[in-house]
Amino acid sequence: MPTSDSYRESLIESLKDAEHAGGFIGAILEEKDPEPALLRNAIRKVIEARIRMNSLSESAKQHHEKLDKMLTESGGLEIYSLVELLEALGFKLEITVANTELSADSESTDFGESELSSEPVVINPS
């Protein structure tokens, strides 16, 4: 079913908030019956939000292109296999914001690779 333009715009606007964007991707990774296409779509929406904020570095663009290609080819099976293995070991993935100054009001377009290439994944025991 197609998503309405108003819902899509509202979602993109909400994803400008780094904590919300991290939670959005994290929720997709926590799905018990994962749909790899949803992960790819969620990441694309977060990227779109960052582009609209003028806060996507060239390095992040390049990393996204590589990851998008990998997800297209493999369907994200490796990522979901990692999530399942960690859960079987009693751990879970958690996405947290690396730079708390990054917000919807951010106007900076010059982010270092370590600040935006990917938000850190913290592994916490369940």
Protein backbone atom coordinates (compact mmCIF):
# COMPACT_ATOMS: atom_id res chain seq x y z
CA MET A 1 0.00 0.00 0.00
CA PRO A 2 1.48 3.41 -0.96
CA THR A 3 2.40 5.75 1.84
CA SER A 4 0.72 9.15 1.73
CA ASP A 5 2.89 12.16 1.01
CA SER A 6 1.88 13.83 4.27
CA TYR A 7 2.87 10.77 6.32
CA ARG A 8 6.17 10.47 4.46
CA GLU A 9 6.95 14.16 4.99
CA SER A 10 6.05 13.89 8.67
CA LEU A 11 8.28 10.83 9.04
CA ILE A 12 11.24 12.51 7.29
CA GLU A 13 10.78 15.57 9.49
CA SER A 14 10.79 13.42 12.65
CA LEU A 15 13.93 11.61 11.48
CA LYS A 16 15.85 14.87 11.60
CA ASP A 17 16.04 14.21 15.34
CA ALA A 18 19.06 11.92 15.83
CA GLU A 19 17.54 10.02 18.76
CA HIS A 20 14.34 9.38 16.85
CA ALA A 21 16.30 8.25 13.79
CA GLY A 22 18.36 5.84 15.90
CA GLY A 23 15.22 4.43 17.49
CA PHE A 24 13.63 4.05 14.06
CA ILE A 25 16.51 1.95 12.75
CA GLY A 26 16.79 0.08 16.05
CA ALA A 27 13.11 -0.89 15.93
CA ILE A 28 13.60 -2.39 12.47
CA LEU A 29 16.55 -4.44 13.73
CA GLU A 30 14.48 -5.74 16.67
CA GLU A 31 11.69 -7.18 14.51
CA LYS A 32 11.17 -10.89 15.21
CA ASP A 33 10.23 -11.58 11.58
CA PRO A 34 12.67 -9.23 9.85
CA GLU A 35 11.93 -7.81 6.46
CA PRO A 36 15.32 -6.76 5.08
CA ALA A 37 13.71 -4.35 2.63
CA LEU A 38 12.38 -2.40 5.63
CA LEU A 39 15.91 -1.92 6.99
CA ARG A 40 17.13 -0.61 3.65
CA ASN A 41 14.11 1.71 3.42
CA ALA A 42 14.56 2.97 6.99
CA ILE A 43 18.20 3.82 6.37
CA ARG A 44 17.25 5.63 3.16
CA LYS A 45 14.71 7.74 5.04
CA VAL A 46 17.28 8.68 7.70
CA ILE A 47 19.72 9.61 4.92
CA GLU A 48 17.02 11.73 3.25
CA ALA A 49 16.37 13.55 6.53
CA ARG A 50 20.08 14.31 6.91
CA ILE A 51 20.27 15.55 3.32
CA ARG A 52 17.35 17.90 3.97
CA MET A 53 19.21 19.21 7.01
CA ASN A 54 22.34 19.73 4.88
CA SER A 55 24.18 17.55 7.38
CA LEU A 56 25.30 14.53 5.39
CA SER A 57 29.03 14.30 4.86
CA GLU A 58 30.59 12.97 1.70
CA SER A 59 31.99 10.10 3.75
CA ALA A 60 28.50 9.19 5.02
CA LYS A 61 27.18 9.30 1.45
CA GLN A 62 29.89 6.88 0.34
CA HIS A 63 29.25 4.52 3.28
CA HIS A 64 25.53 4.59 2.53
CA GLU A 65 26.12 3.72 -1.11
CA LYS A 66 28.27 0.73 -0.13
CA LEU A 67 25.81 -0.49 2.50
CA ASP A 68 22.83 0.01 0.18
CA LYS A 69 24.57 -2.10 -2.46
CA MET A 70 25.34 -4.84 0.10
CA LEU A 71 21.74 -4.83 1.39
CA THR A 72 20.45 -5.03 -2.17
CA GLU A 73 22.66 -8.00 -2.99
CA SER A 74 22.26 -9.95 0.24
CA GLY A 75 18.87 -8.78 1.47
CA GLY A 76 20.47 -7.87 4.80
CA LEU A 77 20.81 -11.47 5.87
CA GLU A 78 24.22 -10.87 7.46
CA ILE A 79 22.91 -8.09 9.65
CA TYR A 80 19.92 -10.08 10.84
CA SER A 81 22.12 -13.14 11.41
CA LEU A 82 24.36 -11.02 13.64
CA VAL A 83 21.33 -9.76 15.57
CA GLU A 84 20.05 -13.33 16.04
CA LEU A 85 23.45 -14.62 17.15
CA LEU A 86 23.86 -11.83 19.69
CA GLU A 87 20.36 -12.48 21.05
CA ALA A 88 21.16 -16.20 21.35
CA LEU A 89 24.25 -15.20 23.36
CA GLY A 90 22.18 -12.98 25.64
CA PHE A 91 23.06 -9.64 24.04
CA LYS A 92 21.17 -7.08 21.97
CA LEU A 93 22.13 -4.28 19.64
CA GLU A 94 21.37 -0.75 20.71
CA ILE A 95 21.76 2.32 18.53
CA THR A 96 22.76 5.46 20.38
CA VAL A 97 23.54 9.00 19.26
CA ALA A 98 27.27 9.61 19.04
CA ASN A 99 27.07 13.40 18.92
CA THR A 100 24.38 14.92 21.13
CA GLU A 101 24.89 18.29 19.44
CA LEU A 102 23.46 16.84 16.23
CA SER A 103 19.84 17.91 16.17
CA ALA A 104 17.10 19.04 13.82
CA ASP A 105 18.40 22.59 14.23
CA SER A 106 21.93 21.71 13.19
CA GLU A 107 23.21 23.76 10.29
CA SER A 108 26.67 22.30 10.04
CA THR A 109 27.49 20.35 6.90
CA ASP A 110 31.04 19.43 7.83
CA PHE A 111 30.94 16.29 9.95
CA GLY A 112 33.98 14.15 10.54
CA GLU A 113 33.81 10.53 9.44
CA SER A 114 33.67 9.26 13.02
CA GLU A 115 30.73 11.52 13.83
CA LEU A 116 28.37 10.56 11.01
CA SER A 117 29.59 7.55 9.07
CA SER A 118 27.42 5.38 11.27
CA GLU A 119 26.00 5.77 14.68
CA PRO A 120 27.69 3.41 17.13
CA VAL A 121 26.16 0.10 17.90
CA VAL A 122 26.45 -0.67 21.59
CA ILE A 123 26.14 -4.27 22.66
CA ASN A 124 24.52 -4.58 26.10
CA PRO A 125 23.80 -7.80 27.95
CA SER A 126 20.03 -8.49 28.10
